[in-house]
PDB file of N, CA and C in Angstrom:
ATOM      1  N   MET A   1      33.862 114.936 127.363  1.00  0.00           N
ATOM      2  CA  MET A   1      35.311 115.102 127.495  1.00  0.00           C
ATOM      3  C   MET A   1      36.006 114.753 126.181  1.00  0.00           C
ATOM      4  N   LEU A   2      35.683 113.567 125.663  1.00  0.00           N
ATOM      5  CA  LEU A   2      36.315 113.161 124.405  1.00  0.00           C
ATOM      6  C   LEU A   2      35.880 114.076 123.258  1.00  0.00           C
ATOM      7  N   ASP A   3      34.620 114.514 123.305  1.00  0.00           N
ATOM      8  CA  ASP A   3      34.115 115.417 122.272  1.00  0.00           C
ATOM      9  C   ASP A   3      34.856 116.755 122.306  1.00  0.00           C
ATOM     10  N   LEU A   4      35.147 117.241 123.520  1.00  0.00           N
ATOM     11  CA  LEU A   4      35.899 118.491 123.642  1.00  0.00           C
ATOM     12  C   LEU A   4      37.321 118.345 123.100  1.00  0.00           C
ATOM     13  N   LEU A   5      37.901 117.176 123.302  1.00  0.00           N
ATOM     14  CA  LEU A   5      39.260 116.945 122.810  1.00  0.00           C
ATOM     15  C   LEU A   5      39.276 116.854 121.286  1.00  0.00           C
ATOM     16  N   ILE A   6      38.289 116.189 120.724  1.00  0.00           N
ATOM     17  CA  ILE A   6      38.239 116.032 119.268  1.00  0.00           C
ATOM     18  C   ILE A   6      38.016 117.380 118.588  1.00  0.00           C
ATOM     19  N   LYS A   7      37.127 118.196 119.145  1.00  0.00           N
ATOM     20  CA  LYS A   7      36.796 119.482 118.529  1.00  0.00           C
ATOM     21  C   LYS A   7      37.686 120.623 119.015  1.00  0.00           C
ATOM     22  N   GLY A   8      38.632 120.318 119.887  1.00  0.00           N
ATOM     23  CA  GLY A   8      39.482 121.356 120.447  1.00  0.00           C
ATOM     24  C   GLY A   8      40.493 121.885 119.450  1.00  0.00           C
ATOM     25  N   SER A   9      41.087 122.998 119.803  1.00  0.00           N
ATOM     26  CA  SER A   9      42.125 123.579 118.946  1.00  0.00           C
ATOM     27  C   SER A   9      43.405 122.756 119.053  1.00  0.00           C
ATOM     28  N   ASP A  10      44.329 123.053 118.172  1.00  0.00           N
ATOM     29  CA  ASP A  10      45.608 122.336 118.198  1.00  0.00           C
ATOM     30  C   ASP A  10      46.335 122.564 119.516  1.00  0.00           C
ATOM     31  N   PHE A  11      46.220 123.769 120.054  1.00  0.00           N
ATOM     32  CA  PHE A  11      46.867 124.072 121.331  1.00  0.00           C
ATOM     33  C   PHE A  11      46.280 123.212 122.444  1.00  0.00           C
ATOM     34  N   GLU A  12      44.959 123.083 122.483  1.00  0.00           N
ATOM     35  CA  GLU A  12      44.315 122.274 123.526  1.00  0.00           C
ATOM     36  C   GLU A  12      44.688 120.802 123.389  1.00  0.00           C
ATOM     37  N   LYS A  13      44.741 120.325 122.157  1.00  0.00           N
ATOM     38  CA  LYS A  13      45.145 118.934 121.936  1.00  0.00           C
ATOM     39  C   LYS A  13      46.593 118.708 122.378  1.00  0.00           C
ATOM     40  N   GLY A  14      47.454 119.643 122.028  1.00  0.00           N
ATOM     41  CA  GLY A  14      48.851 119.531 122.427  1.00  0.00           C
ATOM     42  C   GLY A  14      49.024 119.588 123.930  1.00  0.00           C
ATOM     43  N   LEU A  15      48.259 120.450 124.579  1.00  0.00           N
ATOM     44  CA  LEU A  15      48.318 120.537 126.039  1.00  0.00           C
ATOM     45  C   LEU A  15      47.845 119.238 126.687  1.00  0.00           C
ATOM     46  N   PHE A  16      46.789 118.655 126.147  1.00  0.00           N
ATOM     47  CA  PHE A  16      46.287 117.385 126.673  1.00  0.00           C
ATOM     48  C   PHE A  16      47.326 116.281 126.531  1.00  0.00           C
ATOM     49  N   VAL A  17      47.919 116.173 125.355  1.00  0.00           N
ATOM     50  CA  VAL A  17      48.928 115.136 125.114  1.00  0.00           C
ATOM     51  C   VAL A  17      50.134 115.344 126.033  1.00  0.00           C
ATOM     52  N   THR A  18      50.535 116.594 126.226  1.00  0.00           N
ATOM     53  CA  THR A  18      51.663 116.903 127.103  1.00  0.00           C
ATOM     54  C   THR A  18      51.364 116.507 128.540  1.00  0.00           C
ATOM     55  N   LEU A  19      50.186 116.858 129.023  1.00  0.00           N
ATOM     56  CA  LEU A  19      49.829 116.528 130.407  1.00  0.00           C
ATOM     57  C   LEU A  19      49.713 115.027 130.620  1.00  0.00           C
ATOM     58  N   VAL A  20      49.117 114.325 129.660  1.00  0.00           N
ATOM     59  CA  VAL A  20      49.005 112.869 129.783  1.00  0.00           C
ATOM     60  C   VAL A  20      50.396 112.234 129.753  1.00  0.00           C
ATOM     61  N   GLY A  21      51.274 112.750 128.906  1.00  0.00           N
ATOM     62  CA  GLY A  21      52.629 112.214 128.835  1.00  0.00           C
ATOM     63  C   GLY A  21      53.409 112.429 130.117  1.00  0.00           C
ATOM     64  N   ILE A  22      53.318 113.620 130.684  1.00  0.00           N
ATOM     65  CA  ILE A  22      54.019 113.905 131.938  1.00  0.00           C
ATOM     66  C   ILE A  22      53.453 113.057 133.069  1.00  0.00           C
ATOM     67  N   LEU A  23      52.130 112.920 133.110  1.00  0.00           N
ATOM     68  CA  LEU A  23      51.504 112.077 134.123  1.00  0.00           C
ATOM     69  C   LEU A  23      51.972 110.630 133.983  1.00  0.00           C
ATOM     70  N   GLY A  24      52.068 110.150 132.748  1.00  0.00           N
ATOM     71  CA  GLY A  24      52.548 108.787 132.514  1.00  0.00           C
ATOM     72  C   GLY A  24      53.979 108.589 132.986  1.00  0.00           C
ATOM     73  N   VAL A  25      54.818 109.570 132.734  1.00  0.00           N
ATOM     74  CA  VAL A  25      56.216 109.475 133.167  1.00  0.00           C
ATOM     75  C   VAL A  25      56.303 109.398 134.688  1.00  0.00           C
ATOM     76  N   PHE A  26      55.549 110.254 135.376  1.00  0.00           N
ATOM     77  CA  PHE A  26      55.603 110.238 136.829  1.00  0.00           C
ATOM     78  C   PHE A  26      55.007 108.963 137.411  1.00  0.00           C
ATOM     79  N   LEU A  27      53.979 108.424 136.783  1.00  0.00           N
ATOM     80  CA  LEU A  27      53.418 107.163 137.263  1.00  0.00           C
ATOM     81  C   LEU A  27      54.431 106.024 137.126  1.00  0.00           C
ATOM     82  N   VAL A  28      55.169 105.994 136.030  1.00  0.00           N
ATOM     83  CA  VAL A  28      56.194 104.961 135.848  1.00  0.00           C
ATOM     84  C   VAL A  28      57.321 105.147 136.862  1.00  0.00           C
ATOM     85  N   LEU A  29      57.718 106.394 137.127  1.00  0.00           N
ATOM     86  CA  LEU A  29      58.754 106.632 138.132  1.00  0.00           C
ATOM     87  C   LEU A  29      58.309 106.176 139.507  1.00  0.00           C
ATOM     88  N   ILE A  30      57.054 106.441 139.861  1.00  0.00           N
ATOM     89  CA  ILE A  30      56.524 105.985 141.146  1.00  0.00           C
ATOM     90  C   ILE A  30      56.481 104.467 141.191  1.00  0.00           C
ATOM     91  N   LEU A  31      56.108 103.833 140.079  1.00  0.00           N
ATOM     92  CA  LEU A  31      56.091 102.377 140.018  1.00  0.00           C
ATOM     93  C   LEU A  31      57.491 101.807 140.227  1.00  0.00           C
ATOM     94  N   PHE A  32      58.498 102.356 139.558  1.00  0.00           N
ATOM     95  CA  PHE A  32      59.877 101.906 139.745  1.00  0.00           C
ATOM     96  C   PHE A  32      60.317 102.083 141.201  1.00  0.00           C
ATOM     97  N   TYR A  33      59.971 103.214 141.804  1.00  0.00           N
ATOM     98  CA  TYR A  33      60.324 103.468 143.195  1.00  0.00           C
ATOM     99  C   TYR A  33      59.719 102.406 144.105  1.00  0.00           C
ATOM    100  N   LEU A  34      58.452 102.101 143.891  1.00  0.00           N
ATOM    101  CA  LEU A  34      57.788 101.102 144.733  1.00  0.00           C
ATOM    102  C   LEU A  34      58.379  99.714 144.530  1.00  0.00           C
ATOM    103  N   VAL A  35      58.710  99.365 143.291  1.00  0.00           N
ATOM    104  CA  VAL A  35      59.321  98.059 143.026  1.00  0.00           C
ATOM    105  C   VAL A  35      60.680  97.963 143.710  1.00  0.00           C
ATOM    106  N   ILE A  36      61.462  99.032 143.661  1.00  0.00           N
ATOM    107  CA  ILE A  36      62.772  99.028 144.320  1.00  0.00           C
ATOM    108  C   ILE A  36      62.604  98.899 145.827  1.00  0.00           C
ATOM    109  N   ARG A  37      61.636  99.609 146.405  1.00  0.00           N
ATOM    110  CA  ARG A  37      61.392  99.503 147.851  1.00  0.00           C
ATOM    111  C   ARG A  37      60.995  98.084 148.243  1.00  0.00           C
ATOM    112  N   VAL A  38      60.145  97.439 147.448  1.00  0.00           N
ATOM    113  CA  VAL A  38      59.721  96.063 147.749  1.00  0.00           C
ATOM    114  C   VAL A  38      60.907  95.114 147.635  1.00  0.00           C
ATOM    115  N   PHE A  39      61.713  95.260 146.596  1.00  0.00           N
ATOM    116  CA  PHE A  39      62.872  94.387 146.436  1.00  0.00           C
ATOM    117  C   PHE A  39      63.875  94.560 147.563  1.00  0.00           C
ATOM    118  N   THR A  40      64.108  95.787 148.003  1.00  0.00           N
ATOM    119  CA  THR A  40      65.066  95.979 149.092  1.00  0.00           C
ATOM    120  C   THR A  40      64.518  95.442 150.414  1.00  0.00           C
ATOM    121  N   ARG A  41      63.209  95.396 150.559  1.00  0.00           N
ATOM    122  CA  ARG A  41      62.637  94.833 151.784  1.00  0.00           C
ATOM    123  C   ARG A  41      62.783  93.316 151.797  1.00  0.00           C
ATOM    124  N   PHE A  42      62.537  92.655 150.648  1.00  0.00           N
ATOM    125  CA  PHE A  42      62.597  91.197 150.596  1.00  0.00           C
ATOM    126  C   PHE A  42      64.009  90.671 150.357  1.00  0.00           C
ATOM    127  N   PHE A  43      64.863  91.460 149.754  1.00  0.00           N
ATOM    128  CA  PHE A  43      66.245  91.062 149.475  1.00  0.00           C
ATOM    129  C   PHE A  43      67.180  92.135 150.010  1.00  0.00           C
ATOM    130  N   PRO A  44      67.407  92.192 151.321  1.00  0.00           N
ATOM    131  CA  PRO A  44      68.242  93.261 151.881  1.00  0.00           C
ATOM    132  C   PRO A  44      69.703  93.124 151.438  1.00  0.00           C
ATOM    133  N   TYR A  45      70.394  94.252 151.465  1.00  0.00           N
ATOM    134  CA  TYR A  45      71.797  94.281 151.063  1.00  0.00           C
ATOM    135  C   TYR A  45      72.639  93.544 152.095  1.00  0.00           C
ATOM    136  N   LYS A  46      73.517  92.681 151.617  1.00  0.00           N
ATOM    137  CA  LYS A  46      74.460  91.969 152.483  1.00  0.00           C
ATOM    138  C   LYS A  46      75.856  92.301 151.984  1.00  0.00           C
ATOM    139  N   SER A  47      76.666  92.874 152.850  1.00  0.00           N
ATOM    140  CA  SER A  47      78.012  93.231 152.429  1.00  0.00           C
ATOM    141  C   SER A  47      78.843  91.966 152.235  1.00  0.00           C
ATOM    142  N   GLU A  48      79.814  92.048 151.340  1.00  0.00           N
ATOM    143  CA  GLU A  48      80.644  90.895 151.030  1.00  0.00           C
ATOM    144  C   GLU A  48      81.564  90.537 152.192  1.00  0.00           C
ATOM    145  N   GLU A  49      81.944  91.513 153.009  1.00  0.00           N
ATOM    146  CA  GLU A  49      82.840  91.246 154.134  1.00  0.00           C
ATOM    147  C   GLU A  49      82.175  90.338 155.156  1.00  0.00           C
ATOM    148  N   SER A  50      80.918  90.569 155.455  1.00  0.00           N
ATOM    149  CA  SER A  50      80.242  89.753 156.474  1.00  0.00           C
ATOM    150  C   SER A  50      80.007  88.333 155.962  1.00  0.00           C
ATOM    151  N   SER A  51      79.811  88.144 154.684  1.00  0.00           N
ATOM    152  CA  SER A  51      79.581  86.808 154.154  1.00  0.00           C
ATOM    153  C   SER A  51      80.897  86.006 154.087  1.00  0.00           C
ATOM    154  N   GLU A  52      82.033  86.688 153.939  1.00  0.00           N
ATOM    155  CA  GLU A  52      83.321  85.996 153.871  1.00  0.00           C
ATOM    156  C   GLU A  52      83.775  85.536 155.256  1.00  0.00           C
ATOM    157  N   THR A  53      83.441  86.280 156.304  1.00  0.00           N
ATOM    158  CA  THR A  53      83.916  85.930 157.634  1.00  0.00           C
ATOM    159  C   THR A  53      83.123  84.804 158.260  1.00  0.00           C
ATOM    160  N   LYS A  54      81.943  84.526 157.766  1.00  0.00           N
ATOM    161  CA  LYS A  54      81.122  83.458 158.362  1.00  0.00           C
ATOM    162  C   LYS A  54      81.399  82.147 157.792  1.00  0.00           C
TER     163      LYS A  54
END
């Protein structure tokens, strides 16, 4: 695999870098989504009106 990338044409190298970059972006987006879901589960939203009346 690495040998094919090293000996590949410029187009193949560019395609590989593009695909790895796009995959990295989507993995980070999924990670952010999961972190937000975990935070909202452990720290639910509390409206200010309900906290003032108690």
